[in-house]
C-alpha atoms as a PDB file:
ATOM      1  CA  MET A   1       9.593  -7.959   7.070  1.00  0.00           C
ATOM      2  CA  GLU A   2       8.793  -9.535  10.160  1.00  0.00           C
ATOM      3  CA  ASP A   3      12.452  -9.178  11.301  1.00  0.00           C
ATOM      4  CA  ARG A   4      12.788  -5.336  10.884  1.00  0.00           C
ATOM      5  CA  GLU A   5      11.713  -3.264  13.329  1.00  0.00           C
ATOM      6  CA  VAL A   6       8.176  -1.256  13.108  1.00  0.00           C
ATOM      7  CA  ILE A   7       8.721   2.639  13.157  1.00  0.00           C
ATOM      8  CA  LEU A   8       5.510   3.888  12.427  1.00  0.00           C
ATOM      9  CA  ASP A   9       2.508   2.127  13.381  1.00  0.00           C
ATOM     10  CA  ILE A  10      -0.931   4.010  11.817  1.00  0.00           C
ATOM     11  CA  GLN A  11      -4.130   2.842  13.201  1.00  0.00           C
ATOM     12  CA  ASN A  12      -7.935   4.028  12.505  1.00  0.00           C
ATOM     13  CA  LEU A  13      -6.821   7.262  10.956  1.00  0.00           C
ATOM     14  CA  ARG A  14      -9.373   9.782  10.086  1.00  0.00           C
ATOM     15  CA  THR A  15      -9.214  13.319   8.966  1.00  0.00           C
ATOM     16  CA  THR A  16     -12.062  15.528   7.809  1.00  0.00           C
ATOM     17  CA  PHE A  17     -12.526  19.026   7.010  1.00  0.00           C
ATOM     18  CA  SER A  18     -15.455  21.438   7.546  1.00  0.00           C
ATOM     19  CA  THR A  19     -16.493  23.303   5.041  1.00  0.00           C
ATOM     20  CA  GLN A  20     -19.489  25.208   3.644  1.00  0.00           C
ATOM     21  CA  GLU A  21     -20.842  22.210   1.571  1.00  0.00           C
ATOM     22  CA  GLY A  22     -20.742  20.055   4.677  1.00  0.00           C
ATOM     23  CA  LEU A  23     -18.019  17.246   6.435  1.00  0.00           C
ATOM     24  CA  VAL A  24     -15.510  16.378   3.775  1.00  0.00           C
ATOM     25  CA  HIS A  25     -14.086  12.517   4.410  1.00  0.00           C
ATOM     26  CA  ALA A  26     -10.735  13.529   3.449  1.00  0.00           C
ATOM     27  CA  VAL A  27      -9.273  10.033   5.088  1.00  0.00           C
ATOM     28  CA  ASN A  28     -11.469   7.483   6.369  1.00  0.00           C
ATOM     29  CA  GLY A  29      -9.946   5.062   8.882  1.00  0.00           C
ATOM     30  CA  ILE A  30      -6.720   3.853   7.428  1.00  0.00           C
ATOM     31  CA  SER A  31      -4.231   1.563   8.935  1.00  0.00           C
ATOM     32  CA  TYR A  32      -0.601   0.371   8.364  1.00  0.00           C
ATOM     33  CA  LYS A  33       2.809  -0.089   9.417  1.00  0.00           C
ATOM     34  CA  LEU A  34       5.874   0.721   8.268  1.00  0.00           C
ATOM     35  CA  HIS A  35       9.147  -1.178   9.466  1.00  0.00           C
ATOM     36  CA  THR A  36      12.672   0.523   9.505  1.00  0.00           C
ATOM     37  CA  GLY A  37      14.496   0.968   6.038  1.00  0.00           C
ATOM     38  CA  GLU A  38      11.427  -0.297   4.345  1.00  0.00           C
ATOM     39  CA  THR A  39      10.397   1.859   1.005  1.00  0.00           C
ATOM     40  CA  LEU A  40       6.194   2.034   0.860  1.00  0.00           C
ATOM     41  CA  GLY A  41       4.644   3.295  -2.317  1.00  0.00           C
ATOM     42  CA  ILE A  42       1.221   4.982  -1.487  1.00  0.00           C
ATOM     43  CA  VAL A  43      -0.759   5.586  -4.922  1.00  0.00           C
ATOM     44  CA  GLY A  44      -4.411   6.404  -6.226  1.00  0.00           C
ATOM     45  CA  GLU A  45      -6.034   9.291  -7.955  1.00  0.00           C
ATOM     46  CA  SER A  46      -6.011  13.343  -7.138  1.00  0.00           C
ATOM     47  CA  GLY A  47      -8.196  13.605  -4.158  1.00  0.00           C
ATOM     48  CA  CYS A  48      -8.060  10.066  -2.563  1.00  0.00           C
ATOM     49  CA  GLY A  49      -6.444  11.207   0.964  1.00  0.00           C
ATOM     50  CA  LYS A  50      -2.634  10.165  -0.102  1.00  0.00           C
ATOM     51  CA  SER A  51      -1.110  13.453   0.862  1.00  0.00           C
ATOM     52  CA  VAL A  52      -3.801  14.565   3.191  1.00  0.00           C
ATOM     53  CA  SER A  53      -2.956  11.191   5.711  1.00  0.00           C
ATOM     54  CA  MET A  54       0.834  11.860   5.581  1.00  0.00           C
ATOM     55  CA  LEU A  55       0.315  15.540   6.813  1.00  0.00           C
ATOM     56  CA  SER A  56      -2.256  14.496   9.085  1.00  0.00           C
ATOM     57  CA  VAL A  57       0.597  12.109  10.959  1.00  0.00           C
ATOM     58  CA  LEU A  58       2.567  15.277  11.217  1.00  0.00           C
ATOM     59  CA  ARG A  59      -0.113  17.115  12.265  1.00  0.00           C
ATOM     60  CA  LEU A  60       0.532  20.323   9.431  1.00  0.00           C
ATOM     61  CA  LEU A  61      -3.309  20.901   8.752  1.00  0.00           C
ATOM     62  CA  GLU A  62      -4.412  23.703  10.036  1.00  0.00           C
ATOM     63  CA  ILE A  63      -7.125  23.117  13.030  1.00  0.00           C
ATOM     64  CA  PRO A  64     -10.133  23.856  12.159  1.00  0.00           C
ATOM     65  CA  PRO A  65     -11.030  23.266   9.589  1.00  0.00           C
ATOM     66  CA  ALA A  66      -9.353  20.273   9.660  1.00  0.00           C
ATOM     67  CA  LYS A  67     -10.239  17.439  12.589  1.00  0.00           C
ATOM     68  CA  ILE A  68      -7.653  14.644  13.123  1.00  0.00           C
ATOM     69  CA  MET A  69      -9.048  11.489  14.921  1.00  0.00           C
ATOM     70  CA  ALA A  70      -6.844   8.094  15.482  1.00  0.00           C
ATOM     71  CA  ASP A  71      -6.671   5.253  17.960  1.00  0.00           C
ATOM     72  CA  ALA A  72      -3.064   5.497  17.809  1.00  0.00           C
ATOM     73  CA  ILE A  73      -0.096   6.782  15.775  1.00  0.00           C
ATOM     74  CA  TYR A  74       2.940   5.623  17.116  1.00  0.00           C
ATOM     75  CA  PHE A  75       5.974   6.909  15.839  1.00  0.00           C
ATOM     76  CA  LYS A  76       9.391   4.300  17.285  1.00  0.00           C
ATOM     77  CA  GLY A  77       7.019   3.367  19.851  1.00  0.00           C
ATOM     78  CA  ASP A  78       5.433   6.892  21.326  1.00  0.00           C
ATOM     79  CA  ASN A  79       1.880   7.655  20.491  1.00  0.00           C
ATOM     80  CA  LEU A  80       2.048  10.915  18.672  1.00  0.00           C
ATOM     81  CA  ILE A  81      -1.270  11.604  19.171  1.00  0.00           C
ATOM     82  CA  ASP A  82      -0.355  12.593  22.588  1.00  0.00           C
ATOM     83  CA  TYR A  83       2.407  14.918  21.657  1.00  0.00           C
ATOM     84  CA  PRO A  84       1.499  18.692  22.222  1.00  0.00           C
ATOM     85  CA  ASN A  85       2.343  20.830  19.574  1.00  0.00           C
ATOM     86  CA  ASN A  86       5.655  21.949  20.677  1.00  0.00           C
ATOM     87  CA  GLU A  87       6.707  17.979  20.944  1.00  0.00           C
ATOM     88  CA  MET A  88       5.574  17.502  17.536  1.00  0.00           C
ATOM     89  CA  ARG A  89       7.772  20.708  16.377  1.00  0.00           C
ATOM     90  CA  LYS A  90      10.807  18.642  17.637  1.00  0.00           C
ATOM     91  CA  ILE A  91       9.567  15.412  15.952  1.00  0.00           C
ATOM     92  CA  ARG A  92       9.244  17.614  12.388  1.00  0.00           C
ATOM     93  CA  GLY A  93      12.289  18.174  10.369  1.00  0.00           C
ATOM     94  CA  SER A  94      14.486  15.971  12.384  1.00  0.00           C
ATOM     95  CA  LYS A  95      13.071  12.395  12.983  1.00  0.00           C
ATOM     96  CA  ILE A  96      10.577  12.744  10.369  1.00  0.00           C
ATOM     97  CA  ALA A  97      11.400  14.826   7.143  1.00  0.00           C
ATOM     98  CA  MET A  98       8.973  15.596   4.388  1.00  0.00           C
ATOM     99  CA  ILE A  99       9.931  16.812   0.785  1.00  0.00           C
ATOM    100  CA  PHE A 100       6.965  18.306  -0.483  1.00  0.00           C
ATOM    101  CA  GLN A 101       5.173  18.854  -4.376  1.00  0.00           C
ATOM    102  CA  ASP A 102       6.198  21.947  -5.405  1.00  0.00           C
ATOM    103  CA  PRO A 103       9.108  23.955  -3.892  1.00  0.00           C
ATOM    104  CA  MET A 104       8.488  26.860  -5.617  1.00  0.00           C
ATOM    105  CA  THR A 105       5.505  27.216  -2.799  1.00  0.00           C
ATOM    106  CA  SER A 106       7.803  24.924  -0.167  1.00  0.00           C
ATOM    107  CA  LEU A 107      10.938  27.290  -0.085  1.00  0.00           C
ATOM    108  CA  ASN A 108      10.903  31.033   0.967  1.00  0.00           C
ATOM    109  CA  PRO A 109      11.358  32.738  -1.775  1.00  0.00           C
ATOM    110  CA  VAL A 110      13.082  35.997  -0.180  1.00  0.00           C
ATOM    111  CA  LEU A 111      15.294  33.879   2.054  1.00  0.00           C
ATOM    112  CA  THR A 112      18.564  32.315   0.455  1.00  0.00           C
ATOM    113  CA  ILE A 113      18.817  28.878   0.175  1.00  0.00           C
ATOM    114  CA  GLY A 114      21.664  28.679   2.441  1.00  0.00           C
ATOM    115  CA  PHE A 115      19.631  29.801   5.112  1.00  0.00           C
ATOM    116  CA  GLN A 116      16.742  27.446   4.321  1.00  0.00           C
ATOM    117  CA  ILE A 117      19.318  25.027   4.945  1.00  0.00           C
ATOM    118  CA  LYS A 118      20.817  26.554   8.255  1.00  0.00           C
ATOM    119  CA  GLU A 119      17.551  26.703   9.917  1.00  0.00           C
ATOM    120  CA  PRO A 120      16.907  23.196  11.049  1.00  0.00           C
ATOM    121  CA  LEU A 121      20.718  22.526  11.309  1.00  0.00           C
ATOM    122  CA  LYS A 122      20.492  24.920  14.422  1.00  0.00           C
ATOM    123  CA  LEU A 123      16.920  24.512  15.407  1.00  0.00           C
ATOM    124  CA  HIS A 124      17.243  21.014  16.020  1.00  0.00           C
ATOM    125  CA  LEU A 125      21.011  20.038  16.345  1.00  0.00           C
ATOM    126  CA  GLY A 126      21.785  23.236  18.097  1.00  0.00           C
ATOM    127  CA  MET A 127      25.167  23.995  15.170  1.00  0.00           C
ATOM    128  CA  ASP A 128      26.388  27.453  15.506  1.00  0.00           C
ATOM    129  CA  ASP A 129      26.186  29.586  12.267  1.00  0.00           C
ATOM    130  CA  LYS A 130      29.746  28.480  11.237  1.00  0.00           C
ATOM    131  CA  GLU A 131      29.005  24.293  11.584  1.00  0.00           C
ATOM    132  CA  ALA A 132      25.427  25.070  10.011  1.00  0.00           C
ATOM    133  CA  LYS A 133      26.835  26.809   6.648  1.00  0.00           C
ATOM    134  CA  ALA A 134      29.362  23.983   6.629  1.00  0.00           C
ATOM    135  CA  ARG A 135      27.390  21.483   6.897  1.00  0.00           C
ATOM    136  CA  ALA A 136      24.531  22.894   4.273  1.00  0.00           C
ATOM    137  CA  ALA A 137      27.357  22.834   1.718  1.00  0.00           C
ATOM    138  CA  GLU A 138      28.155  19.587   2.319  1.00  0.00           C
ATOM    139  CA  LEU A 139      24.111  18.489   1.897  1.00  0.00           C
ATOM    140  CA  LEU A 140      24.009  20.544  -1.459  1.00  0.00           C
ATOM    141  CA  LYS A 141      27.177  18.578  -2.653  1.00  0.00           C
ATOM    142  CA  LEU A 142      25.352  15.455  -1.507  1.00  0.00           C
ATOM    143  CA  VAL A 143      22.078  16.240  -3.318  1.00  0.00           C
ATOM    144  CA  GLY A 144      24.524  16.919  -6.951  1.00  0.00           C
ATOM    145  CA  ILE A 145      24.341  20.744  -6.498  1.00  0.00           C
ATOM    146  CA  PRO A 146      27.332  21.734  -8.068  1.00  0.00           C
ATOM    147  CA  ASP A 147      29.545  24.674  -6.260  1.00  0.00           C
ATOM    148  CA  SER A 148      27.889  24.542  -3.456  1.00  0.00           C
ATOM    149  CA  GLU A 149      29.399  27.075  -1.137  1.00  0.00           C
ATOM    150  CA  SER A 150      28.851  29.600  -3.616  1.00  0.00           C
ATOM    151  CA  ARG A 151      24.994  28.527  -3.956  1.00  0.00           C
ATOM    152  CA  LEU A 152      24.523  29.057  -0.408  1.00  0.00           C
ATOM    153  CA  ASP A 153      23.644  32.797  -1.232  1.00  0.00           C
ATOM    154  CA  ASP A 154      21.195  32.252  -3.711  1.00  0.00           C
ATOM    155  CA  TYR A 155      17.568  32.479  -3.716  1.00  0.00           C
ATOM    156  CA  PRO A 156      14.880  29.964  -5.059  1.00  0.00           C
ATOM    157  CA  HIS A 157      14.121  31.975  -8.175  1.00  0.00           C
ATOM    158  CA  GLN A 158      18.204  31.319  -8.742  1.00  0.00           C
ATOM    159  CA  PHE A 159      17.588  27.841  -9.104  1.00  0.00           C
ATOM    160  CA  SER A 160      16.087  25.464 -12.009  1.00  0.00           C
ATOM    161  CA  GLY A 161      13.043  23.361 -10.916  1.00  0.00           C
ATOM    162  CA  GLY A 162      15.343  20.234 -10.493  1.00  0.00           C
ATOM    163  CA  MET A 163      17.705  22.146  -8.291  1.00  0.00           C
ATOM    164  CA  ARG A 164      15.199  23.670  -6.015  1.00  0.00           C
ATOM    165  CA  GLN A 165      13.803  20.164  -5.784  1.00  0.00           C
ATOM    166  CA  ARG A 166      17.208  18.779  -4.422  1.00  0.00           C
ATOM    167  CA  ALA A 167      17.294  21.839  -2.363  1.00  0.00           C
ATOM    168  CA  MET A 168      14.205  20.461  -0.676  1.00  0.00           C
ATOM    169  CA  ILE A 169      16.106  17.510  -0.486  1.00  0.00           C
ATOM    170  CA  ALA A 170      18.872  18.920   1.417  1.00  0.00           C
ATOM    171  CA  ILE A 171      16.461  20.365   4.191  1.00  0.00           C
ATOM    172  CA  ALA A 172      14.944  17.377   4.249  1.00  0.00           C
ATOM    173  CA  LEU A 173      17.636  15.056   5.245  1.00  0.00           C
ATOM    174  CA  ALA A 174      19.343  17.811   7.272  1.00  0.00           C
ATOM    175  CA  CYS A 175      18.829  16.655  10.482  1.00  0.00           C
ATOM    176  CA  ASN A 176      19.382  12.564   9.158  1.00  0.00           C
ATOM    177  CA  PRO A 177      15.879  11.604   9.868  1.00  0.00           C
ATOM    178  CA  THR A 178      14.398   8.376  10.686  1.00  0.00           C
ATOM    179  CA  LEU A 179      11.321   8.658   8.134  1.00  0.00           C
ATOM    180  CA  LEU A 180      11.189  10.532   5.337  1.00  0.00           C
ATOM    181  CA  ILE A 181       7.888  11.480   3.344  1.00  0.00           C
ATOM    182  CA  ALA A 182       8.350  12.419  -0.348  1.00  0.00           C
ATOM    183  CA  ASP A 183       4.682  13.872  -1.950  1.00  0.00           C
ATOM    184  CA  GLU A 184       5.017  13.476  -5.222  1.00  0.00           C
ATOM    185  CA  PRO A 185       8.327  15.305  -5.562  1.00  0.00           C
ATOM    186  CA  THR A 186       8.686  14.720  -8.821  1.00  0.00           C
ATOM    187  CA  THR A 187       5.041  16.126 -10.376  1.00  0.00           C
ATOM    188  CA  ALA A 188       6.638  19.024 -12.040  1.00  0.00           C
ATOM    189  CA  LEU A 189       9.696  18.315 -13.665  1.00  0.00           C
ATOM    190  CA  ASP A 190      10.892  16.820 -16.945  1.00  0.00           C
ATOM    191  CA  VAL A 191      10.911  12.805 -16.860  1.00  0.00           C
ATOM    192  CA  THR A 192      15.486  12.556 -17.273  1.00  0.00           C
ATOM    193  CA  ILE A 193      15.295  15.335 -14.481  1.00  0.00           C
ATOM    194  CA  GLN A 194      12.735  12.869 -12.572  1.00  0.00           C
ATOM    195  CA  ALA A 195      15.035   9.855 -13.286  1.00  0.00           C
ATOM    196  CA  GLN A 196      17.899  11.552 -11.852  1.00  0.00           C
ATOM    197  CA  LEU A 197      16.165  12.873  -8.151  1.00  0.00           C
ATOM    198  CA  ILE A 198      14.354   9.332  -7.842  1.00  0.00           C
ATOM    199  CA  GLU A 199      17.871   7.658  -8.399  1.00  0.00           C
ATOM    200  CA  LEU A 200      19.417  10.006  -5.933  1.00  0.00           C
ATOM    201  CA  VAL A 201      16.730   9.276  -3.135  1.00  0.00           C
ATOM    202  CA  LYS A 202      17.239   5.356  -3.497  1.00  0.00           C
ATOM    203  CA  GLU A 203      21.229   6.061  -3.022  1.00  0.00           C
ATOM    204  CA  LEU A 204      20.490   8.647  -0.120  1.00  0.00           C
ATOM    205  CA  GLN A 205      18.058   5.764   1.894  1.00  0.00           C
ATOM    206  CA  ASP A 206      20.701   3.399   0.969  1.00  0.00           C
ATOM    207  CA  ASP A 207      23.274   4.979   2.864  1.00  0.00           C
ATOM    208  CA  LEU A 208      21.846   6.819   5.506  1.00  0.00           C
ATOM    209  CA  GLY A 209      19.015   3.439   6.361  1.00  0.00           C
ATOM    210  CA  MET A 210      16.002   5.702   6.838  1.00  0.00           C
ATOM    211  CA  ALA A 211      12.768   4.548   5.884  1.00  0.00           C
ATOM    212  CA  LEU A 212      11.060   6.167   2.645  1.00  0.00           C
ATOM    213  CA  ILE A 213       7.170   6.887   2.101  1.00  0.00           C
ATOM    214  CA  TRP A 214       6.504   7.926  -1.514  1.00  0.00           C
ATOM    215  CA  ILE A 215       3.286   9.391  -2.197  1.00  0.00           C
ATOM    216  CA  THR A 216       2.535   9.144  -6.467  1.00  0.00           C
ATOM    217  CA  HIS A 217      -0.523   8.551  -8.804  1.00  0.00           C
ATOM    218  CA  ASP A 218       2.260   7.450 -11.028  1.00  0.00           C
ATOM    219  CA  LEU A 219       2.448   3.338 -11.062  1.00  0.00           C
ATOM    220  CA  GLY A 220       5.395   3.206 -12.770  1.00  0.00           C
ATOM    221  CA  VAL A 221       7.718   4.893 -10.760  1.00  0.00           C
ATOM    222  CA  VAL A 222       6.488   2.794  -7.801  1.00  0.00           C
ATOM    223  CA  ALA A 223       7.089  -0.388  -9.778  1.00  0.00           C
ATOM    224  CA  GLY A 224      11.099   0.634  -9.684  1.00  0.00           C
ATOM    225  CA  LEU A 225      11.216   2.080  -6.316  1.00  0.00           C
ATOM    226  CA  ALA A 226       8.597   0.700  -3.634  1.00  0.00           C
ATOM    227  CA  GLU A 227       8.606  -2.791  -1.537  1.00  0.00           C
ATOM    228  CA  ARG A 228       5.159  -2.620  -0.605  1.00  0.00           C
ATOM    229  CA  VAL A 229       2.545  -0.648  -2.195  1.00  0.00           C
ATOM    230  CA  ILE A 230      -0.970   1.190  -0.434  1.00  0.00           C
ATOM    231  CA  VAL A 231      -3.567   2.056  -2.886  1.00  0.00           C
ATOM    232  CA  MET A 232      -5.916   4.823  -1.255  1.00  0.00           C
ATOM    233  CA  TYR A 233      -9.610   5.498  -3.154  1.00  0.00           C
ATOM    234  CA  ALA A 234     -11.879   7.952  -1.704  1.00  0.00           C
ATOM    235  CA  GLY A 235      -9.958   8.171   1.585  1.00  0.00           C
ATOM    236  CA  TYR A 236      -9.901   4.419   2.102  1.00  0.00           C
ATOM    237  CA  VAL A 237      -6.952   1.693   1.840  1.00  0.00           C
ATOM    238  CA  VAL A 238      -8.265  -0.847  -0.675  1.00  0.00           C
ATOM    239  CA  GLU A 239      -4.871  -2.539  -1.275  1.00  0.00           C
ATOM    240  CA  ASP A 240      -2.242  -3.805   0.293  1.00  0.00           C
ATOM    241  CA  ALA A 241       0.624  -5.626  -1.006  1.00  0.00           C
ATOM    242  CA  PRO A 242       4.732  -6.392  -1.605  1.00  0.00           C
ATOM    243  CA  VAL A 243       5.111  -4.718  -4.987  1.00  0.00           C
ATOM    244  CA  ASP A 244       5.646  -7.851  -7.074  1.00  0.00           C
ATOM    245  CA  SER A 245       2.145  -9.078  -5.845  1.00  0.00           C
ATOM    246  CA  LEU A 246       0.544  -6.161  -6.548  1.00  0.00           C
ATOM    247  CA  TYR A 247       1.961  -5.818 -10.293  1.00  0.00           C
ATOM    248  CA  GLU A 248       1.567  -9.674 -11.196  1.00  0.00           C
ATOM    249  CA  ASP A 249      -1.612 -10.331  -8.896  1.00  0.00           C
ATOM    250  CA  PRO A 250      -3.735  -7.328  -8.069  1.00  0.00           C
ATOM    251  CA  ARG A 251      -6.971  -8.297  -6.291  1.00  0.00           C
ATOM    252  CA  HIS A 252      -8.748  -5.191  -5.754  1.00  0.00           C
ATOM    253  CA  PRO A 253     -11.244  -3.796  -8.958  1.00  0.00           C
ATOM    254  CA  TYR A 254      -9.574  -0.617  -8.777  1.00  0.00           C
ATOM    255  CA  THR A 255      -5.702  -1.526  -8.509  1.00  0.00           C
ATOM    256  CA  PHE A 256      -7.012  -4.012 -11.293  1.00  0.00           C
ATOM    257  CA  ALA A 257      -8.314  -1.310 -13.373  1.00  0.00           C
ATOM    258  CA  LEU A 258      -5.464   0.861 -12.581  1.00  0.00           C
ATOM    259  CA  LEU A 259      -2.741  -1.177 -14.119  1.00  0.00           C
ATOM    260  CA  LYS A 260      -5.049  -2.050 -17.193  1.00  0.00           C
ATOM    261  CA  SER A 261      -5.055   1.830 -17.831  1.00  0.00           C
ATOM    262  CA  LEU A 262      -0.988   2.345 -18.020  1.00  0.00           C
ATOM    263  CA  PRO A 263      -0.009   2.586 -21.279  1.00  0.00           C
ATOM    264  CA  LYS A 264       2.305  -0.163 -22.734  1.00  0.00           C
ATOM    265  CA  LEU A 265       5.917  -0.181 -23.916  1.00  0.00           C
ATOM    266  CA  ILE A 266       5.419  -3.187 -26.544  1.00  0.00           C
ATOM    267  CA  ASP A 267       2.335  -2.365 -28.619  1.00  0.00           C
ATOM    268  CA  VAL A 268      -0.135  -5.219 -29.025  1.00  0.00           C
ATOM    269  CA  PRO A 269      -2.246  -5.186 -32.403  1.00  0.00           C
ATOM    270  CA  GLY A 270      -6.236  -4.618 -31.297  1.00  0.00           C
ATOM    271  CA  GLU A 271      -5.337  -3.669 -27.531  1.00  0.00           C
ATOM    272  CA  LYS A 272      -6.528   0.010 -26.647  1.00  0.00           C
ATOM    273  CA  LEU A 273      -5.578   1.309 -23.580  1.00  0.00           C
ATOM    274  CA  GLU A 274      -8.614   1.150 -21.316  1.00  0.00           C
ATOM    275  CA  THR A 275      -9.850   3.881 -18.508  1.00  0.00           C
ATOM    276  CA  ILE A 276     -11.810   4.003 -15.714  1.00  0.00           C
ATOM    277  CA  GLU A 277     -14.931   5.224 -16.243  1.00  0.00           C
ATOM    278  CA  GLY A 278     -16.947   8.074 -14.170  1.00  0.00           C
ATOM    279  CA  LEU A 279     -15.458   9.930 -10.873  1.00  0.00           C
ATOM    280  CA  PRO A 280     -14.329   9.254  -7.705  1.00  0.00           C
ATOM    281  CA  PRO A 281     -17.738   9.594  -4.695  1.00  0.00           C
ATOM    282  CA  ASP A 282     -18.338  13.373  -3.275  1.00  0.00           C
ATOM    283  CA  LEU A 283     -16.366  13.091  -0.062  1.00  0.00           C
ATOM    284  CA  VAL A 284     -19.429  14.811   1.739  1.00  0.00           C
ATOM    285  CA  GLU A 285     -21.985  12.595   0.925  1.00  0.00           C
ATOM    286  CA  MET A 286     -20.315   9.354   1.477  1.00  0.00           C
ATOM    287  CA  PRO A 287     -21.757   6.116  -0.087  1.00  0.00           C
ATOM    288  CA  LYS A 288     -23.634   3.575   1.841  1.00  0.00           C
ATOM    289  CA  GLY A 289     -21.349   0.891   0.398  1.00  0.00           C
ATOM    290  CA  CYS A 290     -18.282   0.309  -1.317  1.00  0.00           C
ATOM    291  CA  PRO A 291     -17.125   4.093  -2.761  1.00  0.00           C
ATOM    292  CA  PHE A 292     -16.100   2.018  -5.854  1.00  0.00           C
ATOM    293  CA  VAL A 293     -19.119   0.547  -6.663  1.00  0.00           C
ATOM    294  CA  PRO A 294     -20.622   2.966  -9.376  1.00  0.00           C
ATOM    295  CA  ARG A 295     -16.783   2.850 -11.447  1.00  0.00           C
ATOM    296  CA  CYS A 296     -16.598  -0.935 -10.605  1.00  0.00           C
ATOM    297  CA  ALA A 297     -16.836  -3.614 -13.474  1.00  0.00           C
ATOM    298  CA  PHE A 298     -17.586  -6.711 -10.925  1.00  0.00           C
ATOM    299  CA  ALA A 299     -19.819  -4.979  -8.250  1.00  0.00           C
ATOM    300  CA  LYS A 300     -22.722  -7.205  -6.881  1.00  0.00           C
ATOM    301  CA  ASP A 301     -25.024  -6.435  -4.722  1.00  0.00           C
ATOM    302  CA  LYS A 302     -23.532  -6.649  -1.050  1.00  0.00           C
ATOM    303  CA  CYS A 303     -21.198  -4.017  -2.748  1.00  0.00           C
ATOM    304  CA  ARG A 304     -24.286  -1.381  -2.779  1.00  0.00           C
ATOM    305  CA  THR A 305     -25.046  -1.757   1.174  1.00  0.00           C
ATOM    306  CA  GLU A 306     -21.646  -2.731   2.532  1.00  0.00           C
ATOM    307  CA  ASN A 307     -18.412  -1.236   2.456  1.00  0.00           C
ATOM    308  CA  PRO A 308     -15.682  -4.113   3.137  1.00  0.00           C
ATOM    309  CA  ALA A 309     -13.066  -3.948   5.754  1.00  0.00           C
ATOM    310  CA  LEU A 310      -9.448  -4.367   5.240  1.00  0.00           C
ATOM    311  CA  ASP A 311      -8.863  -8.057   4.918  1.00  0.00           C
ATOM    312  CA  GLU A 312      -5.622 -10.238   4.321  1.00  0.00           C
ATOM    313  CA  ILE A 313      -6.548 -12.810   1.547  1.00  0.00           C
ATOM    314  CA  SER A 314      -2.728 -13.921   1.365  1.00  0.00           C
ATOM    315  CA  LEU A 315       0.629 -13.460   2.952  1.00  0.00           C
ATOM    316  CA  ASP A 316       1.158  -9.504   3.275  1.00  0.00           C
ATOM    317  CA  HIS A 317      -1.675  -9.091   1.069  1.00  0.00           C
ATOM    318  CA  ARG A 318      -5.072  -7.208   1.789  1.00  0.00           C
ATOM    319  CA  ILE A 319      -7.817  -6.004  -0.195  1.00  0.00           C
ATOM    320  CA  ALA A 320     -11.229  -4.324   1.131  1.00  0.00           C
ATOM    321  CA  CYS A 321     -13.496  -5.916  -1.481  1.00  0.00           C
ATOM    322  CA  TRP A 322     -16.382  -8.728  -1.300  1.00  0.00           C
ATOM    323  CA  VAL A 323     -15.270 -10.422  -4.530  1.00  0.00           C
ATOM    324  CA  ASP A 324     -12.886 -12.616  -6.063  1.00  0.00           C
ATOM    325  CA  ILE A 325     -11.791 -10.510  -9.222  1.00  0.00           C
ATOM    326  CA  LYS A 326     -10.386 -14.021 -10.642  1.00  0.00           C
ATOM    327  CA  THR A 327     -13.671 -15.894 -10.594  1.00  0.00           C
ATOM    328  CA  GLY A 328     -16.282 -12.972 -10.344  1.00  0.00           C
ATOM    329  CA  GLU A 329     -17.864 -14.623  -7.350  1.00  0.00           C
ATOM    330  CA  LEU A 330     -18.148 -13.373  -3.648  1.00  0.00           C
ATOM    331  CA  ARG A 331     -15.534 -14.257  -1.402  1.00  0.00           C
END
């Protein structure tokens, strides 16, 4: 990994939202690096800050109520924190593209699919309408939509769910981005369509050489897709490891519990599917110590008073935990 160039370097990213209930601490000081061509999986429960962290990087949150802070967010050497809004618009869709969770709300229902694919081509690449139309048809064909030229004049409601998501991928790939962020893009689709889309994104990534961040709560998807996995909980990164290390040797109690709660293909007599009892903490009233303490089977007194930093425990493997779960003792 070290021989690959770092294209994204997030340093101490924090995002809060002002609400009537108080200040919601959605992202709480996360830091990590992404390398050229790397596939990074970001996993965790709903509300843990996965999507908000990426929307913060792209500055796609409404300010206020959101407030985005970071020591730095370097993209290909440039600090995006310093970029004015008009410069960020040039980055979004051209250098960094995002596939959103629900294509029915991401695609404009009153504009044709062709119009929506042509728009970034004209805006970022300066194509005229004829060039953009030809490229849009190419892109639809690339993502596996037959009769692509005739489908350019169709509206989103004339596409199935899987085809709408393919159209979203075509829009995201229109300007050959360096980084593609996929925010749970297969959540609303059936399993066979999910598998097709994941395979499609992997093939396109190999062909185009782009880096990929895949946000999901599905650990099964990440196992076959990512090189490295970041586990988030209550707005914190609690584990960051190569995919094989994470699945073979999870070292944070939350990751360990998540993997134990996965259904197994081979049924072991007498073995029950485990659950993680309790709920994530209230992000308005953040706990003093580790946020996972009330649900943790390994918690010690120190965990209730001090929140651990994300420390390296072995090569490329970092956890935010005071306890060695192999011995049950403090590290």
